[in-house]
PDB file of N, CA and C in Angstrom:
ATOM      1  N   UNK A   1     -54.411 -15.877 -25.938  1.00  0.00           N
ATOM      2  CA  UNK A   1     -53.325 -16.605 -25.296  1.00  0.00           C
ATOM      3  C   UNK A   1     -52.797 -17.673 -26.295  1.00  0.00           C
ATOM      4  N   UNK A   2     -51.472 -17.662 -26.416  1.00  0.00           N
ATOM      5  CA  UNK A   2     -50.888 -18.627 -27.367  1.00  0.00           C
ATOM      6  C   UNK A   2     -51.126 -20.020 -26.813  1.00  0.00           C
ATOM      7  N   UNK A   3     -51.179 -21.006 -27.717  1.00  0.00           N
ATOM      8  CA  UNK A   3     -51.457 -22.422 -27.300  1.00  0.00           C
ATOM      9  C   UNK A   3     -50.391 -22.925 -26.344  1.00  0.00           C
ATOM     10  N   UNK A   4     -49.171 -22.667 -26.567  1.00  0.00           N
ATOM     11  CA  UNK A   4     -48.102 -23.170 -25.610  1.00  0.00           C
ATOM     12  C   UNK A   4     -48.238 -22.579 -24.208  1.00  0.00           C
ATOM     13  N   UNK A   5     -48.645 -21.261 -24.120  1.00  0.00           N
ATOM     14  CA  UNK A   5     -48.927 -20.656 -22.879  1.00  0.00           C
ATOM     15  C   UNK A   5     -50.174 -21.314 -22.177  1.00  0.00           C
ATOM     16  N   UNK A   6     -51.229 -21.568 -23.005  1.00  0.00           N
ATOM     17  CA  UNK A   6     -52.401 -22.253 -22.459  1.00  0.00           C
ATOM     18  C   UNK A   6     -52.056 -23.584 -21.861  1.00  0.00           C
ATOM     19  N   UNK A   7     -51.280 -24.341 -22.584  1.00  0.00           N
ATOM     20  CA  UNK A   7     -50.863 -25.697 -22.054  1.00  0.00           C
ATOM     21  C   UNK A   7     -50.142 -25.557 -20.733  1.00  0.00           C
ATOM     22  N   UNK A   8     -49.191 -24.613 -20.728  1.00  0.00           N
ATOM     23  CA  UNK A   8     -48.365 -24.477 -19.463  1.00  0.00           C
ATOM     24  C   UNK A   8     -49.201 -23.906 -18.364  1.00  0.00           C
ATOM     25  N   UNK A   9     -50.212 -23.033 -18.634  1.00  0.00           N
ATOM     26  CA  UNK A   9     -51.129 -22.507 -17.632  1.00  0.00           C
ATOM     27  C   UNK A   9     -51.924 -23.631 -17.051  1.00  0.00           C
ATOM     28  N   UNK A  10     -52.347 -24.536 -17.912  1.00  0.00           N
ATOM     29  CA  UNK A  10     -53.095 -25.743 -17.407  1.00  0.00           C
ATOM     30  C   UNK A  10     -52.197 -26.583 -16.536  1.00  0.00           C
ATOM     31  N   UNK A  11     -50.917 -26.764 -16.873  1.00  0.00           N
ATOM     32  CA  UNK A  11     -50.029 -27.495 -16.051  1.00  0.00           C
ATOM     33  C   UNK A  11     -49.860 -26.802 -14.651  1.00  0.00           C
ATOM     34  N   UNK A  12     -49.866 -25.501 -14.613  1.00  0.00           N
ATOM     35  CA  UNK A  12     -49.759 -24.840 -13.341  1.00  0.00           C
ATOM     36  C   UNK A  12     -51.050 -25.157 -12.508  1.00  0.00           C
ATOM     37  N   UNK A  13     -52.283 -24.967 -13.065  1.00  0.00           N
ATOM     38  CA  UNK A  13     -53.475 -25.235 -12.453  1.00  0.00           C
ATOM     39  C   UNK A  13     -53.480 -26.677 -11.926  1.00  0.00           C
ATOM     40  N   UNK A  14     -53.130 -27.650 -12.745  1.00  0.00           N
ATOM     41  CA  UNK A  14     -53.104 -29.078 -12.322  1.00  0.00           C
ATOM     42  C   UNK A  14     -52.147 -29.264 -11.169  1.00  0.00           C
ATOM     43  N   UNK A  15     -50.922 -28.715 -11.213  1.00  0.00           N
ATOM     44  CA  UNK A  15     -49.985 -28.877 -10.208  1.00  0.00           C
ATOM     45  C   UNK A  15     -50.455 -28.227  -8.840  1.00  0.00           C
ATOM     46  N   UNK A  16     -51.109 -27.084  -9.032  1.00  0.00           N
ATOM     47  CA  UNK A  16     -51.681 -26.434  -7.792  1.00  0.00           C
ATOM     48  C   UNK A  16     -52.793 -27.277  -7.164  1.00  0.00           C
ATOM     49  N   UNK A  17     -53.596 -27.884  -8.064  1.00  0.00           N
ATOM     50  CA  UNK A  17     -54.665 -28.702  -7.531  1.00  0.00           C
ATOM     51  C   UNK A  17     -54.058 -30.006  -6.848  1.00  0.00           C
ATOM     52  N   UNK A  18     -52.992 -30.467  -7.396  1.00  0.00           N
ATOM     53  CA  UNK A  18     -52.283 -31.621  -6.782  1.00  0.00           C
ATOM     54  C   UNK A  18     -51.804 -31.226  -5.388  1.00  0.00           C
ATOM     55  N   UNK A  19     -51.140 -30.046  -5.352  1.00  0.00           N
ATOM     56  CA  UNK A  19     -50.669 -29.602  -4.031  1.00  0.00           C
ATOM     57  C   UNK A  19     -51.804 -29.460  -3.002  1.00  0.00           C
ATOM     58  N   UNK A  20     -52.913 -28.923  -3.475  1.00  0.00           N
ATOM     59  CA  UNK A  20     -54.041 -28.774  -2.489  1.00  0.00           C
ATOM     60  C   UNK A  20     -54.497 -30.139  -1.985  1.00  0.00           C
ATOM     61  N   UNK A  21     -54.530 -31.103  -2.916  1.00  0.00           N
ATOM     62  CA  UNK A  21     -55.003 -32.514  -2.484  1.00  0.00           C
ATOM     63  C   UNK A  21     -53.940 -33.087  -1.535  1.00  0.00           C
ATOM     64  N   UNK A  22     -52.631 -32.881  -1.882  1.00  0.00           N
ATOM     65  CA  UNK A  22     -51.497 -33.459  -1.055  1.00  0.00           C
ATOM     66  C   UNK A  22     -51.565 -32.928   0.379  1.00  0.00           C
ATOM     67  N   UNK A  23     -51.911 -31.689   0.583  1.00  0.00           N
ATOM     68  CA  UNK A  23     -51.775 -31.068   1.922  1.00  0.00           C
ATOM     69  C   UNK A  23     -53.180 -31.006   2.632  1.00  0.00           C
ATOM     70  N   UNK A  24     -54.199 -31.406   1.983  1.00  0.00           N
ATOM     71  CA  UNK A  24     -55.556 -31.369   2.598  1.00  0.00           C
ATOM     72  C   UNK A  24     -55.530 -32.202   3.889  1.00  0.00           C
ATOM     73  N   UNK A  25     -56.010 -31.586   4.951  1.00  0.00           N
ATOM     74  CA  UNK A  25     -56.034 -32.280   6.225  1.00  0.00           C
ATOM     75  C   UNK A  25     -54.691 -32.505   6.923  1.00  0.00           C
ATOM     76  N   UNK A  26     -53.683 -31.935   6.336  1.00  0.00           N
ATOM     77  CA  UNK A  26     -52.353 -32.064   6.894  1.00  0.00           C
ATOM     78  C   UNK A  26     -51.934 -30.830   7.670  1.00  0.00           C
ATOM     79  N   UNK A  27     -50.786 -30.978   8.442  1.00  0.00           N
ATOM     80  CA  UNK A  27     -50.277 -29.886   9.228  1.00  0.00           C
ATOM     81  C   UNK A  27     -48.794 -29.669   8.753  1.00  0.00           C
ATOM     82  N   UNK A  28     -48.270 -28.541   9.125  1.00  0.00           N
ATOM     83  CA  UNK A  28     -46.879 -28.246   8.803  1.00  0.00           C
ATOM     84  C   UNK A  28     -45.934 -29.305   9.226  1.00  0.00           C
ATOM     85  N   UNK A  29     -46.153 -29.866  10.402  1.00  0.00           N
ATOM     86  CA  UNK A  29     -45.271 -30.913  10.963  1.00  0.00           C
ATOM     87  C   UNK A  29     -45.217 -32.188  10.066  1.00  0.00           C
ATOM     88  N   UNK A  30     -46.267 -32.389   9.277  1.00  0.00           N
ATOM     89  CA  UNK A  30     -46.338 -33.562   8.379  1.00  0.00           C
ATOM     90  C   UNK A  30     -45.233 -33.551   7.371  1.00  0.00           C
ATOM     91  N   UNK A  31     -44.747 -32.360   7.012  1.00  0.00           N
ATOM     92  CA  UNK A  31     -43.646 -32.248   6.027  1.00  0.00           C
ATOM     93  C   UNK A  31     -42.329 -32.826   6.605  1.00  0.00           C
ATOM     94  N   UNK A  32     -42.234 -32.833   7.964  1.00  0.00           N
ATOM     95  CA  UNK A  32     -41.024 -33.351   8.632  1.00  0.00           C
ATOM     96  C   UNK A  32     -41.133 -34.829   8.825  1.00  0.00           C
ATOM     97  N   UNK A  33     -42.345 -35.280   9.069  1.00  0.00           N
ATOM     98  CA  UNK A  33     -42.538 -36.728   9.355  1.00  0.00           C
ATOM     99  C   UNK A  33     -42.872 -37.582   8.098  1.00  0.00           C
ATOM    100  N   UNK A  34     -43.282 -36.972   7.062  1.00  0.00           N
ATOM    101  CA  UNK A  34     -43.719 -37.714   5.853  1.00  0.00           C
ATOM    102  C   UNK A  34     -42.867 -37.220   4.654  1.00  0.00           C
ATOM    103  N   UNK A  35     -41.718 -37.895   4.412  1.00  0.00           N
ATOM    104  CA  UNK A  35     -40.910 -37.535   3.337  1.00  0.00           C
ATOM    105  C   UNK A  35     -41.542 -37.602   1.965  1.00  0.00           C
ATOM    106  N   UNK A  36     -42.449 -38.487   1.817  1.00  0.00           N
ATOM    107  CA  UNK A  36     -43.136 -38.639   0.539  1.00  0.00           C
ATOM    108  C   UNK A  36     -44.028 -37.421   0.279  1.00  0.00           C
ATOM    109  N   UNK A  37     -44.625 -36.908   1.353  1.00  0.00           N
ATOM    110  CA  UNK A  37     -45.475 -35.721   1.272  1.00  0.00           C
ATOM    111  C   UNK A  37     -44.527 -34.560   0.867  1.00  0.00           C
ATOM    112  N   UNK A  38     -43.423 -34.387   1.554  1.00  0.00           N
ATOM    113  CA  UNK A  38     -42.475 -33.273   1.205  1.00  0.00           C
ATOM    114  C   UNK A  38     -42.023 -33.375  -0.241  1.00  0.00           C
ATOM    115  N   UNK A  39     -41.615 -34.543  -0.610  1.00  0.00           N
ATOM    116  CA  UNK A  39     -41.172 -34.746  -2.062  1.00  0.00           C
ATOM    117  C   UNK A  39     -42.321 -34.472  -3.013  1.00  0.00           C
ATOM    118  N   UNK A  40     -43.514 -34.912  -2.755  1.00  0.00           N
ATOM    119  CA  UNK A  40     -44.605 -34.630  -3.689  1.00  0.00           C
ATOM    120  C   UNK A  40     -44.909 -33.183  -3.782  1.00  0.00           C
ATOM    121  N   UNK A  41     -44.945 -32.447  -2.632  1.00  0.00           N
ATOM    122  CA  UNK A  41     -45.177 -30.952  -2.736  1.00  0.00           C
ATOM    123  C   UNK A  41     -44.079 -30.293  -3.441  1.00  0.00           C
ATOM    124  N   UNK A  42     -42.834 -30.594  -3.150  1.00  0.00           N
ATOM    125  CA  UNK A  42     -41.726 -29.988  -3.751  1.00  0.00           C
ATOM    126  C   UNK A  42     -41.718 -30.270  -5.305  1.00  0.00           C
ATOM    127  N   UNK A  43     -42.111 -31.497  -5.684  1.00  0.00           N
ATOM    128  CA  UNK A  43     -42.148 -31.810  -7.126  1.00  0.00           C
ATOM    129  C   UNK A  43     -43.155 -30.903  -7.851  1.00  0.00           C
ATOM    130  N   UNK A  44     -44.363 -30.840  -7.214  1.00  0.00           N
ATOM    131  CA  UNK A  44     -45.457 -29.997  -7.743  1.00  0.00           C
ATOM    132  C   UNK A  44     -45.060 -28.527  -7.845  1.00  0.00           C
ATOM    133  N   UNK A  45     -44.327 -27.993  -6.860  1.00  0.00           N
ATOM    134  CA  UNK A  45     -43.757 -26.697  -6.910  1.00  0.00           C
ATOM    135  C   UNK A  45     -42.799 -26.504  -8.136  1.00  0.00           C
ATOM    136  N   UNK A  46     -41.939 -27.575  -8.317  1.00  0.00           N
ATOM    137  CA  UNK A  46     -41.029 -27.561  -9.470  1.00  0.00           C
ATOM    138  C   UNK A  46     -41.849 -27.422 -10.778  1.00  0.00           C
ATOM    139  N   UNK A  47     -42.877 -28.108 -10.908  1.00  0.00           N
ATOM    140  CA  UNK A  47     -43.704 -28.121 -12.096  1.00  0.00           C
ATOM    141  C   UNK A  47     -44.276 -26.730 -12.315  1.00  0.00           C
ATOM    142  N   UNK A  48     -44.813 -26.154 -11.248  1.00  0.00           N
ATOM    143  CA  UNK A  48     -45.389 -24.786 -11.346  1.00  0.00           C
ATOM    144  C   UNK A  48     -44.268 -23.853 -11.795  1.00  0.00           C
ATOM    145  N   UNK A  49     -43.089 -23.929 -11.226  1.00  0.00           N
ATOM    146  CA  UNK A  49     -41.991 -23.042 -11.578  1.00  0.00           C
ATOM    147  C   UNK A  49     -41.539 -23.227 -12.999  1.00  0.00           C
ATOM    148  N   UNK A  50     -41.338 -24.483 -13.395  1.00  0.00           N
ATOM    149  CA  UNK A  50     -40.869 -24.784 -14.772  1.00  0.00           C
ATOM    150  C   UNK A  50     -41.866 -24.282 -15.806  1.00  0.00           C
ATOM    151  N   UNK A  51     -43.243 -24.460 -15.594  1.00  0.00           N
ATOM    152  CA  UNK A  51     -44.174 -24.045 -16.432  1.00  0.00           C
ATOM    153  C   UNK A  51     -44.159 -22.518 -16.580  1.00  0.00           C
ATOM    154  N   UNK A  52     -44.041 -21.922 -15.412  1.00  0.00           N
ATOM    155  CA  UNK A  52     -43.973 -20.391 -15.376  1.00  0.00           C
ATOM    156  C   UNK A  52     -42.771 -19.895 -16.143  1.00  0.00           C
ATOM    157  N   UNK A  53     -41.631 -20.631 -15.986  1.00  0.00           N
ATOM    158  CA  UNK A  53     -40.358 -20.162 -16.694  1.00  0.00           C
ATOM    159  C   UNK A  53     -40.500 -20.288 -18.243  1.00  0.00           C
ATOM    160  N   UNK A  54     -41.451 -21.064 -18.694  1.00  0.00           N
ATOM    161  CA  UNK A  54     -41.604 -21.173 -20.182  1.00  0.00           C
ATOM    162  C   UNK A  54     -42.710 -20.364 -20.765  1.00  0.00           C
ATOM    163  N   UNK A  55     -43.405 -19.649 -19.892  1.00  0.00           N
ATOM    164  CA  UNK A  55     -44.438 -18.687 -20.397  1.00  0.00           C
ATOM    165  C   UNK A  55     -43.814 -17.611 -21.270  1.00  0.00           C
ATOM    166  N   UNK A  56     -44.561 -17.238 -22.257  1.00  0.00           N
ATOM    167  CA  UNK A  56     -43.989 -16.205 -23.184  1.00  0.00           C
ATOM    168  C   UNK A  56     -43.911 -14.867 -22.472  1.00  0.00           C
ATOM    169  N   UNK A  57     -43.061 -14.010 -23.002  1.00  0.00           N
ATOM    170  CA  UNK A  57     -42.868 -12.666 -22.448  1.00  0.00           C
ATOM    171  C   UNK A  57     -44.198 -11.910 -22.621  1.00  0.00           C
ATOM    172  N   UNK A  58     -44.831 -12.140 -23.692  1.00  0.00           N
ATOM    173  CA  UNK A  58     -46.080 -11.450 -23.976  1.00  0.00           C
ATOM    174  C   UNK A  58     -47.155 -11.797 -22.799  1.00  0.00           C
ATOM    175  N   UNK A  59     -47.265 -13.056 -22.400  1.00  0.00           N
ATOM    176  CA  UNK A  59     -48.123 -13.339 -21.357  1.00  0.00           C
ATOM    177  C   UNK A  59     -47.760 -12.809 -20.042  1.00  0.00           C
ATOM    178  N   UNK A  60     -46.460 -12.844 -19.806  1.00  0.00           N
ATOM    179  CA  UNK A  60     -45.890 -12.265 -18.535  1.00  0.00           C
ATOM    180  C   UNK A  60     -46.220 -10.770 -18.385  1.00  0.00           C
ATOM    181  N   UNK A  61     -46.048 -10.091 -19.514  1.00  0.00           N
ATOM    182  CA  UNK A  61     -46.296  -8.625 -19.524  1.00  0.00           C
ATOM    183  C   UNK A  61     -47.790  -8.371 -19.382  1.00  0.00           C
ATOM    184  N   UNK A  62     -48.639  -9.252 -19.808  1.00  0.00           N
ATOM    185  CA  UNK A  62     -50.039  -9.080 -19.735  1.00  0.00           C
ATOM    186  C   UNK A  62     -50.593  -9.371 -18.299  1.00  0.00           C
ATOM    187  N   UNK A  63     -49.803  -9.955 -17.494  1.00  0.00           N
ATOM    188  CA  UNK A  63     -50.164 -10.299 -16.100  1.00  0.00           C
ATOM    189  C   UNK A  63     -49.110  -9.928 -15.160  1.00  0.00           C
ATOM    190  N   UNK A  64     -48.851  -8.553 -15.001  1.00  0.00           N
ATOM    191  CA  UNK A  64     -47.794  -8.172 -14.149  1.00  0.00           C
ATOM    192  C   UNK A  64     -47.929  -8.322 -12.710  1.00  0.00           C
ATOM    193  N   UNK A  65     -49.156  -8.647 -12.277  1.00  0.00           N
ATOM    194  CA  UNK A  65     -49.396  -8.877 -10.799  1.00  0.00           C
ATOM    195  C   UNK A  65     -48.944 -10.255 -10.376  1.00  0.00           C
ATOM    196  N   UNK A  66     -48.696 -11.118 -11.326  1.00  0.00           N
ATOM    197  CA  UNK A  66     -48.196 -12.467 -10.993  1.00  0.00           C
ATOM    198  C   UNK A  66     -46.661 -12.297 -10.837  1.00  0.00           C
ATOM    199  N   UNK A  67     -46.143 -12.871  -9.716  1.00  0.00           N
ATOM    200  CA  UNK A  67     -44.725 -12.666  -9.416  1.00  0.00           C
ATOM    201  C   UNK A  67     -43.913 -13.677 -10.203  1.00  0.00           C
ATOM    202  N   UNK A  68     -43.797 -13.591 -11.541  1.00  0.00           N
ATOM    203  CA  UNK A  68     -43.213 -14.648 -12.320  1.00  0.00           C
ATOM    204  C   UNK A  68     -41.786 -14.896 -11.913  1.00  0.00           C
ATOM    205  N   UNK A  69     -40.975 -13.856 -11.636  1.00  0.00           N
ATOM    206  CA  UNK A  69     -39.599 -14.124 -11.208  1.00  0.00           C
ATOM    207  C   UNK A  69     -39.489 -14.896  -9.971  1.00  0.00           C
ATOM    208  N   UNK A  70     -40.316 -14.548  -8.980  1.00  0.00           N
ATOM    209  CA  UNK A  70     -40.280 -15.276  -7.704  1.00  0.00           C
ATOM    210  C   UNK A  70     -40.701 -16.771  -7.813  1.00  0.00           C
ATOM    211  N   UNK A  71     -41.687 -16.947  -8.737  1.00  0.00           N
ATOM    212  CA  UNK A  71     -42.038 -18.366  -8.987  1.00  0.00           C
ATOM    213  C   UNK A  71     -40.961 -19.181  -9.556  1.00  0.00           C
ATOM    214  N   UNK A  72     -40.308 -18.643 -10.552  1.00  0.00           N
ATOM    215  CA  UNK A  72     -39.111 -19.321 -11.203  1.00  0.00           C
ATOM    216  C   UNK A  72     -38.077 -19.457 -10.259  1.00  0.00           C
ATOM    217  N   UNK A  73     -37.799 -18.411  -9.418  1.00  0.00           N
ATOM    218  CA  UNK A  73     -36.739 -18.526  -8.390  1.00  0.00           C
ATOM    219  C   UNK A  73     -36.965 -19.644  -7.393  1.00  0.00           C
ATOM    220  N   UNK A  74     -38.191 -19.813  -6.972  1.00  0.00           N
ATOM    221  CA  UNK A  74     -38.621 -20.896  -6.125  1.00  0.00           C
ATOM    222  C   UNK A  74     -38.306 -22.254  -6.759  1.00  0.00           C
ATOM    223  N   UNK A  75     -38.637 -22.375  -7.983  1.00  0.00           N
ATOM    224  CA  UNK A  75     -38.335 -23.614  -8.730  1.00  0.00           C
ATOM    225  C   UNK A  75     -36.803 -23.837  -8.731  1.00  0.00           C
ATOM    226  N   UNK A  76     -36.080 -22.851  -9.048  1.00  0.00           N
ATOM    227  CA  UNK A  76     -34.591 -22.992  -9.105  1.00  0.00           C
ATOM    228  C   UNK A  76     -34.062 -23.372  -7.762  1.00  0.00           C
ATOM    229  N   UNK A  77     -34.573 -22.818  -6.716  1.00  0.00           N
ATOM    230  CA  UNK A  77     -34.111 -23.080  -5.390  1.00  0.00           C
ATOM    231  C   UNK A  77     -34.318 -24.553  -5.054  1.00  0.00           C
ATOM    232  N   UNK A  78     -35.546 -25.095  -5.276  1.00  0.00           N
ATOM    233  CA  UNK A  78     -35.847 -26.466  -4.868  1.00  0.00           C
ATOM    234  C   UNK A  78     -35.135 -27.453  -5.761  1.00  0.00           C
ATOM    235  N   UNK A  79     -34.839 -27.071  -6.991  1.00  0.00           N
ATOM    236  CA  UNK A  79     -34.101 -27.986  -7.931  1.00  0.00           C
ATOM    237  C   UNK A  79     -32.609 -27.947  -7.615  1.00  0.00           C
ATOM    238  N   UNK A  80     -31.990 -26.848  -7.501  1.00  0.00           N
ATOM    239  CA  UNK A  80     -30.597 -26.692  -7.423  1.00  0.00           C
ATOM    240  C   UNK A  80     -30.079 -26.787  -6.004  1.00  0.00           C
ATOM    241  N   UNK A  81     -30.875 -26.411  -5.036  1.00  0.00           N
ATOM    242  CA  UNK A  81     -30.470 -26.460  -3.625  1.00  0.00           C
ATOM    243  C   UNK A  81     -31.331 -27.494  -2.838  1.00  0.00           C
ATOM    244  N   UNK A  82     -31.500 -28.595  -3.559  1.00  0.00           N
ATOM    245  CA  UNK A  82     -32.419 -29.650  -2.958  1.00  0.00           C
ATOM    246  C   UNK A  82     -31.934 -30.073  -1.590  1.00  0.00           C
ATOM    247  N   UNK A  83     -30.675 -29.929  -1.253  1.00  0.00           N
ATOM    248  CA  UNK A  83     -30.122 -30.356   0.008  1.00  0.00           C
ATOM    249  C   UNK A  83     -30.408 -29.317   1.135  1.00  0.00           C
ATOM    250  N   UNK A  84     -30.984 -28.235   0.793  1.00  0.00           N
ATOM    251  CA  UNK A  84     -31.238 -27.141   1.764  1.00  0.00           C
ATOM    252  C   UNK A  84     -32.607 -26.585   1.633  1.00  0.00           C
ATOM    253  N   UNK A  85     -33.595 -27.461   1.465  1.00  0.00           N
ATOM    254  CA  UNK A  85     -34.928 -27.006   1.260  1.00  0.00           C
ATOM    255  C   UNK A  85     -35.548 -26.719   2.655  1.00  0.00           C
ATOM    256  N   UNK A  86     -36.120 -25.573   2.802  1.00  0.00           N
ATOM    257  CA  UNK A  86     -36.748 -25.067   3.982  1.00  0.00           C
ATOM    258  C   UNK A  86     -38.254 -25.477   3.993  1.00  0.00           C
ATOM    259  N   UNK A  87     -38.579 -26.465   4.839  1.00  0.00           N
ATOM    260  CA  UNK A  87     -39.911 -27.008   4.903  1.00  0.00           C
ATOM    261  C   UNK A  87     -40.979 -25.933   5.304  1.00  0.00           C
ATOM    262  N   UNK A  88     -40.533 -24.926   6.119  1.00  0.00           N
ATOM    263  CA  UNK A  88     -41.413 -23.867   6.440  1.00  0.00           C
ATOM    264  C   UNK A  88     -41.825 -23.059   5.214  1.00  0.00           C
ATOM    265  N   UNK A  89     -40.902 -22.745   4.387  1.00  0.00           N
ATOM    266  CA  UNK A  89     -41.032 -22.027   3.149  1.00  0.00           C
ATOM    267  C   UNK A  89     -41.970 -22.853   2.195  1.00  0.00           C
ATOM    268  N   UNK A  90     -41.698 -24.094   2.073  1.00  0.00           N
ATOM    269  CA  UNK A  90     -42.532 -24.999   1.245  1.00  0.00           C
ATOM    270  C   UNK A  90     -43.970 -25.018   1.723  1.00  0.00           C
ATOM    271  N   UNK A  91     -44.153 -25.092   3.051  1.00  0.00           N
ATOM    272  CA  UNK A  91     -45.497 -25.108   3.571  1.00  0.00           C
ATOM    273  C   UNK A  91     -46.287 -23.846   3.366  1.00  0.00           C
ATOM    274  N   UNK A  92     -45.622 -22.674   3.617  1.00  0.00           N
ATOM    275  CA  UNK A  92     -46.201 -21.351   3.335  1.00  0.00           C
ATOM    276  C   UNK A  92     -46.501 -21.232   1.849  1.00  0.00           C
ATOM    277  N   UNK A  93     -45.668 -21.636   1.004  1.00  0.00           N
ATOM    278  CA  UNK A  93     -45.940 -21.559  -0.399  1.00  0.00           C
ATOM    279  C   UNK A  93     -47.132 -22.425  -0.734  1.00  0.00           C
ATOM    280  N   UNK A  94     -47.161 -23.626  -0.270  1.00  0.00           N
ATOM    281  CA  UNK A  94     -48.264 -24.501  -0.600  1.00  0.00           C
ATOM    282  C   UNK A  94     -49.627 -24.046  -0.073  1.00  0.00           C
ATOM    283  N   UNK A  95     -49.634 -23.555   1.173  1.00  0.00           N
ATOM    284  CA  UNK A  95     -50.916 -23.165   1.816  1.00  0.00           C
ATOM    285  C   UNK A  95     -51.395 -21.780   1.403  1.00  0.00           C
ATOM    286  N   UNK A  96     -50.456 -20.846   1.181  1.00  0.00           N
ATOM    287  CA  UNK A  96     -50.849 -19.462   0.990  1.00  0.00           C
ATOM    288  C   UNK A  96     -50.611 -18.940  -0.411  1.00  0.00           C
ATOM    289  N   UNK A  97     -49.535 -19.242  -0.984  1.00  0.00           N
ATOM    290  CA  UNK A  97     -49.176 -18.628  -2.321  1.00  0.00           C
ATOM    291  C   UNK A  97     -49.712 -19.428  -3.487  1.00  0.00           C
ATOM    292  N   UNK A  98     -49.702 -20.665  -3.460  1.00  0.00           N
ATOM    293  CA  UNK A  98     -50.116 -21.523  -4.616  1.00  0.00           C
ATOM    294  C   UNK A  98     -51.611 -21.302  -4.861  1.00  0.00           C
ATOM    295  N   UNK A  99     -52.450 -21.304  -3.810  1.00  0.00           N
ATOM    296  CA  UNK A  99     -53.906 -21.053  -4.114  1.00  0.00           C
ATOM    297  C   UNK A  99     -54.157 -19.725  -4.837  1.00  0.00           C
ATOM    298  N   UNK A 100     -53.382 -18.692  -4.428  1.00  0.00           N
ATOM    299  CA  UNK A 100     -53.588 -17.359  -5.037  1.00  0.00           C
ATOM    300  C   UNK A 100     -53.133 -17.438  -6.524  1.00  0.00           C
ATOM    301  N   UNK A 101     -51.987 -18.044  -6.669  1.00  0.00           N
ATOM    302  CA  UNK A 101     -51.450 -18.185  -8.053  1.00  0.00           C
ATOM    303  C   UNK A 101     -52.382 -19.048  -8.900  1.00  0.00           C
ATOM    304  N   UNK A 102     -52.972 -20.070  -8.376  1.00  0.00           N
ATOM    305  CA  UNK A 102     -53.876 -20.890  -9.170  1.00  0.00           C
ATOM    306  C   UNK A 102     -55.105 -20.040  -9.548  1.00  0.00           C
ATOM    307  N   UNK A 103     -55.559 -19.234  -8.708  1.00  0.00           N
ATOM    308  CA  UNK A 103     -56.715 -18.328  -9.080  1.00  0.00           C
ATOM    309  C   UNK A 103     -56.380 -17.394 -10.230  1.00  0.00           C
ATOM    310  N   UNK A 104     -55.167 -16.871 -10.095  1.00  0.00           N
ATOM    311  CA  UNK A 104     -54.769 -15.880 -11.153  1.00  0.00           C
ATOM    312  C   UNK A 104     -54.555 -16.496 -12.537  1.00  0.00           C
ATOM    313  N   UNK A 105     -53.971 -17.742 -12.507  1.00  0.00           N
ATOM    314  CA  UNK A 105     -53.751 -18.486 -13.731  1.00  0.00           C
ATOM    315  C   UNK A 105     -55.087 -18.882 -14.332  1.00  0.00           C
ATOM    316  N   UNK A 106     -55.953 -19.325 -13.453  1.00  0.00           N
ATOM    317  CA  UNK A 106     -57.327 -19.809 -13.953  1.00  0.00           C
ATOM    318  C   UNK A 106     -58.008 -18.631 -14.564  1.00  0.00           C
ATOM    319  N   UNK A 107     -57.918 -17.487 -13.959  1.00  0.00           N
ATOM    320  CA  UNK A 107     -58.593 -16.269 -14.594  1.00  0.00           C
ATOM    321  C   UNK A 107     -57.973 -15.950 -15.971  1.00  0.00           C
ATOM    322  N   UNK A 108     -56.622 -16.120 -16.140  1.00  0.00           N
ATOM    323  CA  UNK A 108     -56.069 -15.906 -17.470  1.00  0.00           C
ATOM    324  C   UNK A 108     -56.593 -16.912 -18.404  1.00  0.00           C
ATOM    325  N   UNK A 109     -56.696 -18.126 -17.984  1.00  0.00           N
ATOM    326  CA  UNK A 109     -57.322 -19.205 -18.910  1.00  0.00           C
ATOM    327  C   UNK A 109     -58.707 -18.843 -19.251  1.00  0.00           C
ATOM    328  N   UNK A 110     -59.549 -18.466 -18.294  1.00  0.00           N
ATOM    329  CA  UNK A 110     -60.891 -18.126 -18.543  1.00  0.00           C
ATOM    330  C   UNK A 110     -61.063 -16.986 -19.480  1.00  0.00           C
ATOM    331  N   UNK A 111     -60.125 -15.961 -19.304  1.00  0.00           N
ATOM    332  CA  UNK A 111     -60.167 -14.766 -20.212  1.00  0.00           C
ATOM    333  C   UNK A 111     -59.832 -15.183 -21.639  1.00  0.00           C
ATOM    334  N   UNK A 112     -58.865 -16.052 -21.764  1.00  0.00           N
ATOM    335  CA  UNK A 112     -58.418 -16.472 -23.124  1.00  0.00           C
ATOM    336  C   UNK A 112     -59.520 -17.234 -23.845  1.00  0.00           C
ATOM    337  N   UNK A 113     -60.254 -18.031 -23.086  1.00  0.00           N
ATOM    338  CA  UNK A 113     -61.340 -18.880 -23.668  1.00  0.00           C
ATOM    339  C   UNK A 113     -62.516 -17.980 -24.014  1.00  0.00           C
ATOM    340  N   UNK A 114     -62.665 -16.840 -23.343  1.00  0.00           N
ATOM    341  CA  UNK A 114     -63.750 -15.904 -23.648  1.00  0.00           C
ATOM    342  C   UNK A 114     -63.516 -15.084 -24.856  1.00  0.00           C
ATOM    343  N   UNK A 115     -62.246 -14.995 -25.209  1.00  0.00           N
ATOM    344  CA  UNK A 115     -61.873 -14.131 -26.395  1.00  0.00           C
ATOM    345  C   UNK A 115     -62.127 -14.839 -27.700  1.00  0.00           C
TER     346      UNK A 115
END
């Protein structure tokens, strides 16, 4: 794995860990009542998407199971349509999709360190 990809992969893992900490013990309704929580999760999702958008084509092709385009699309949505963020989608992303992505990215990092 190229060093710049490794750095960005670590950023994804760190942002995913942050999201897990932010939502631990929380419920979906908390995104409606706690603007700071919503902003924190959205910002971490932005970081994940931005890091994914900067991954090399080589890395993306080596991990076709990772939905790179969808990840970047989510980032673009929360950045450019900030006025129309769907908290249900943010919650589902944070609870279901980010943990799976974190695992996939961590496996890539582990494989690169083993090589």
